[in-house]
Protein backbone atom coordinates (compact mmCIF):
# COMPACT_ATOMS: atom_id res chain seq x y z
CA UNK A 1 104.62 71.93 -105.98
CA UNK A 2 103.21 68.58 -107.88
CA UNK A 3 106.07 65.74 -107.94
CA UNK A 4 105.83 64.78 -111.19
CA UNK A 5 107.61 61.19 -110.22
CA UNK A 6 104.64 60.46 -107.99
CA UNK A 7 101.74 61.11 -110.19
CA UNK A 8 103.76 59.29 -112.86
CA UNK A 9 105.32 56.20 -110.45
CA UNK A 10 106.36 53.39 -112.65
CA UNK A 11 107.71 55.59 -115.69
CA UNK A 12 110.66 56.66 -116.81
CA UNK A 13 111.27 59.69 -115.22
CA UNK A 14 113.00 60.96 -118.88
CA UNK A 15 109.80 59.86 -120.34
CA UNK A 16 108.08 62.09 -118.01
CA UNK A 17 110.13 65.40 -118.54
CA UNK A 18 109.75 64.72 -122.36
CA UNK A 19 105.46 64.75 -121.40
CA UNK A 20 105.32 68.12 -119.15
CA UNK A 21 107.85 69.70 -121.92
CA UNK A 22 110.90 69.92 -119.93
CA UNK A 23 113.30 68.18 -122.23
CA UNK A 24 114.38 67.47 -125.54
CA UNK A 25 111.97 65.12 -127.28
CA UNK A 26 115.17 64.31 -129.35
CA UNK A 27 114.07 60.54 -129.76
CA UNK A 28 111.28 61.37 -132.17
CA UNK A 29 113.60 63.18 -134.39
CA UNK A 30 116.67 61.91 -136.38
CA UNK A 31 116.27 64.15 -139.16
CA UNK A 32 118.61 67.56 -139.02
CA UNK A 33 116.59 70.99 -139.27
CA UNK A 34 115.48 71.87 -142.85
CA UNK A 35 116.13 74.92 -144.76
CA UNK A 36 113.16 75.74 -144.72
CA UNK A 37 112.56 75.30 -140.69
CA UNK A 38 115.50 77.64 -140.31
CA UNK A 39 113.95 79.89 -141.98
CA UNK A 40 110.55 79.65 -140.48
CA UNK A 41 112.05 79.87 -137.01
CA UNK A 42 113.54 83.55 -138.24
CA UNK A 43 110.22 84.62 -138.84
CA UNK A 44 108.77 83.98 -136.10
CA UNK A 45 111.49 85.09 -133.70
CA UNK A 46 110.64 88.56 -135.98
CA UNK A 47 107.03 88.49 -134.88
CA UNK A 48 108.27 88.76 -130.98
CA UNK A 49 106.17 92.08 -129.87
CA UNK A 50 108.91 92.81 -127.28
CA UNK A 51 112.15 94.53 -128.78
CA UNK A 52 114.34 92.92 -126.71
CA UNK A 53 113.02 89.31 -126.68
CA UNK A 54 112.40 89.56 -130.75
CA UNK A 55 116.87 90.71 -130.83
CA UNK A 56 117.45 88.23 -128.36
CA UNK A 57 115.65 85.41 -130.36
CA UNK A 58 117.04 86.23 -133.76
CA UNK A 59 120.41 86.25 -131.89
CA UNK A 60 120.31 83.27 -130.46
CA UNK A 61 119.40 81.56 -133.25
CA UNK A 62 122.08 83.31 -135.43
CA UNK A 63 124.68 81.76 -133.12
CA UNK A 64 123.28 78.28 -132.72
CA UNK A 65 123.56 78.62 -136.48
CA UNK A 66 127.34 78.11 -135.79
CA UNK A 67 127.21 74.95 -134.15
CA UNK A 68 128.00 76.16 -130.79
CA UNK A 69 127.19 74.24 -127.68
CA UNK A 70 124.24 75.53 -125.67
CA UNK A 71 126.59 76.38 -122.81
CA UNK A 72 129.27 77.76 -124.79
CA UNK A 73 126.36 80.39 -126.04
CA UNK A 74 125.04 80.82 -122.61
CA UNK A 75 127.91 81.86 -121.10
CA UNK A 76 128.56 83.98 -123.93
CA UNK A 77 130.10 87.66 -122.27
CA UNK A 78 129.33 91.15 -123.67
CA UNK A 79 133.00 91.79 -124.28
CA UNK A 80 133.12 88.31 -126.59
CA UNK A 81 132.43 90.19 -129.64
CA UNK A 82 134.38 92.74 -130.91
CA UNK A 83 133.86 94.14 -135.14
CA UNK A 84 137.24 93.94 -136.66
CA UNK A 85 137.56 95.29 -140.43
CA UNK A 86 134.78 93.46 -142.17
CA UNK A 87 133.83 90.78 -139.68
CA UNK A 88 132.42 90.09 -136.17
CA UNK A 89 134.19 88.05 -133.89
CA UNK A 90 132.70 85.93 -131.71
CA UNK A 91 135.08 84.30 -128.87
CA UNK A 92 133.09 81.22 -127.11
CA UNK A 93 135.01 79.42 -124.17
CA UNK A 94 134.87 75.72 -124.74
CA UNK A 95 135.01 73.52 -121.53
CA UNK A 96 136.75 70.23 -122.02
CA UNK A 97 136.53 67.02 -119.64
CA UNK A 98 138.66 64.80 -119.28
CA UNK A 99 138.83 61.64 -116.79
CA UNK A 100 139.69 63.47 -113.90
CA UNK A 101 139.67 67.18 -114.85
CA UNK A 102 138.26 69.94 -116.73
CA UNK A 103 140.20 72.54 -118.81
CA UNK A 104 139.00 75.19 -120.88
CA UNK A 105 139.87 77.02 -124.26
CA UNK A 106 138.70 79.50 -126.39
CA UNK A 107 137.39 79.05 -129.97
CA UNK A 108 136.56 82.23 -132.41
CA UNK A 109 134.09 82.37 -135.01
CA UNK A 110 133.86 85.21 -137.80
CA UNK A 111 130.67 86.59 -139.33
CA UNK A 112 130.81 88.65 -142.22
CA UNK A 113 129.26 91.87 -141.29
CA UNK A 114 127.33 92.30 -144.36
CA UNK A 115 125.49 88.81 -143.47
CA UNK A 116 122.17 88.87 -141.51
CA UNK A 117 123.44 86.48 -139.04
CA UNK A 118 125.98 89.20 -138.08
CA UNK A 119 123.82 92.03 -138.25
CA UNK A 120 121.28 90.01 -135.74
CA UNK A 121 124.23 89.72 -133.57
CA UNK A 122 125.18 93.21 -133.53
CA UNK A 123 121.89 94.74 -133.28
CA UNK A 124 120.97 92.39 -130.04
CA UNK A 125 124.63 93.43 -129.08
CA UNK A 126 124.26 96.77 -129.55
CA UNK A 127 120.85 96.56 -127.52
CA UNK A 128 122.30 95.38 -124.27
CA UNK A 129 125.31 97.42 -124.54
CA UNK A 130 122.96 100.46 -124.34
CA UNK A 131 120.21 99.58 -122.13
CA UNK A 132 121.94 96.41 -120.21
CA UNK A 133 125.24 99.02 -119.25
CA UNK A 134 125.85 96.68 -116.14
CA UNK A 135 125.62 93.25 -117.71
CA UNK A 136 128.18 90.87 -117.92
CA UNK A 137 127.18 88.45 -120.14
CA UNK A 138 125.72 89.10 -123.64
CA UNK A 139 122.52 87.10 -122.49
CA UNK A 140 121.38 88.01 -119.02
CA UNK A 141 119.05 86.34 -116.79
CA UNK A 142 115.87 88.58 -116.13
CA UNK A 143 113.51 88.40 -113.83
CA UNK A 144 109.36 89.80 -114.11
CA UNK A 145 108.68 93.03 -112.46
CA UNK A 146 104.72 93.22 -111.31
CA UNK A 147 104.45 91.46 -114.85
CA UNK A 148 104.44 94.74 -116.78
CA UNK A 149 108.31 95.27 -116.95
CA UNK A 150 111.72 92.93 -116.32
CA UNK A 151 114.82 93.37 -114.64
CA UNK A 152 118.07 91.74 -115.61
CA UNK A 153 120.77 90.32 -113.53
CA UNK A 154 124.13 91.95 -114.21
CA UNK A 155 126.09 89.03 -113.18
CA UNK A 156 124.07 85.73 -113.75
CA UNK A 157 123.24 84.17 -117.53
CA UNK A 158 120.48 82.79 -118.69
CA UNK A 159 120.52 79.10 -118.24
CA UNK A 160 120.40 76.23 -120.38
CA UNK A 161 117.39 75.13 -119.83
CA UNK A 162 116.08 78.90 -120.26
CA UNK A 163 118.08 79.08 -123.65
CA UNK A 164 116.16 76.00 -124.81
CA UNK A 165 112.14 77.41 -123.72
CA UNK A 166 112.74 80.24 -126.14
CA UNK A 167 114.10 77.60 -129.11
CA UNK A 168 111.03 75.83 -128.81
CA UNK A 169 108.80 78.55 -128.64
CA UNK A 170 110.15 79.03 -132.16
CA UNK A 171 109.95 75.50 -133.28
CA UNK A 172 108.47 72.40 -130.75
CA UNK A 173 110.38 69.84 -133.19
CA UNK A 174 113.51 71.75 -132.85
CA UNK A 175 116.14 72.05 -129.77
CA UNK A 176 119.63 73.67 -129.13
CA UNK A 177 121.92 70.30 -130.04
CA UNK A 178 119.73 69.92 -133.13
CA UNK A 179 121.60 73.08 -134.69
CA UNK A 180 124.55 71.48 -134.32
CA UNK A 181 123.84 68.38 -135.77
CA UNK A 182 122.56 70.11 -138.74
CA UNK A 183 125.98 72.44 -139.00
CA UNK A 184 127.84 69.11 -139.04
CA UNK A 185 125.04 67.99 -141.64
CA UNK A 186 125.42 70.66 -144.17
CA UNK A 187 129.15 70.76 -144.13
CA UNK A 188 128.92 66.83 -145.05
CA UNK A 189 126.26 67.75 -148.07
CA UNK A 190 128.13 70.54 -149.02
CA UNK A 191 130.90 68.49 -149.93
CA UNK A 192 129.06 65.59 -150.84
CA UNK A 193 127.36 68.14 -153.82
CA UNK A 194 130.64 68.84 -154.67
CA UNK A 195 132.15 65.30 -155.10
CA UNK A 196 134.09 66.25 -152.42
CA UNK A 197 133.84 64.10 -149.38
CA UNK A 198 137.08 62.87 -147.95
CA UNK A 199 139.38 62.88 -145.24
CA UNK A 200 139.23 66.61 -145.40
CA UNK A 201 135.34 66.61 -145.05
CA UNK A 202 136.07 64.94 -141.03
CA UNK A 203 138.52 67.57 -140.26
CA UNK A 204 135.96 70.46 -140.92
CA UNK A 205 133.29 68.72 -139.22
CA UNK A 206 136.04 68.38 -136.29
CA UNK A 207 136.85 71.86 -136.65
CA UNK A 208 133.55 73.25 -136.91
CA UNK A 209 132.08 71.48 -133.96
CA UNK A 210 135.10 71.56 -131.58
CA UNK A 211 135.12 67.59 -131.53
CA UNK A 212 137.45 65.74 -129.79
CA UNK A 213 137.68 62.65 -131.55
CA UNK A 214 137.99 62.10 -135.67
CA UNK A 215 135.71 59.36 -134.78
CA UNK A 216 132.59 61.36 -133.65
CA UNK A 217 133.07 63.39 -136.63
CA UNK A 218 133.11 60.46 -139.18
CA UNK A 219 129.44 59.47 -137.76
CA UNK A 220 128.11 62.52 -139.67
CA UNK A 221 129.66 61.34 -143.27
CA UNK A 222 127.71 58.05 -141.91
CA UNK A 223 124.39 59.24 -141.38
CA UNK A 224 124.58 62.61 -143.54
CA UNK A 225 126.90 61.85 -146.91
CA UNK A 226 124.38 59.53 -149.09
CA UNK A 227 120.76 62.07 -147.86
CA UNK A 228 119.34 64.12 -150.62
CA UNK A 229 120.97 67.22 -151.21
CA UNK A 230 119.02 70.04 -149.87
CA UNK A 231 118.83 72.81 -152.38
CA UNK A 232 119.58 75.55 -150.77
CA UNK A 233 121.68 75.54 -147.44
CA UNK A 234 120.47 79.10 -145.71
CA UNK A 235 123.70 81.30 -144.11
CA UNK A 236 125.98 78.61 -144.17
CA UNK A 237 128.62 80.64 -146.21
CA UNK A 238 128.38 83.29 -143.19
CA UNK A 239 130.07 81.47 -140.57
CA UNK A 240 134.00 81.11 -141.10
CA UNK A 241 136.62 79.43 -138.52
């Protein structure tokens, strides 16, 4: 195994990781994902030949459209999803860190059943329940078997790095947290289009992204309130708090 630290001695290790494709080149991009980019990612996912990998990619994209963190998506369990009435409910576990302690809470997002986001998630969910009935996690970690098939770990979920690779295979200029940034930007832009950017916009962003501080939500106002409004914000109205 090559030790890239030695090979690139004297170079920032974070830059090395970018060069070898193991981390996010976020320093090269400041704008959120465009509607066209998002639709292109879904189109590319739809072209994946393997049924499981195709459904998984579309489900991941659909869940990230809600603005959730990578770890929260990765740790979803099969029984964190339920259909009730006209909605698909997805309950995420949110980990909050304090100076000397960590605590968890849950946050539930609801997706209208008629929307494509819900359909993508449900189709993948049903596949997992049918073909991987022992799986504990919605996105189980898998391993290749002699290069011809794959097996899953019933008590282990995909790592954040594995999920990042999936996202980057659909768009090299995207990463998981960029969906979160995009979700916040969309909320601000939508209110701005109505001439309604206010303190309520701050709380909408804070609530949607499960932010701890209002000051963090204010940053979205500063960054995006004066941007040009997109003609289309795909699927934004399909996610309810």
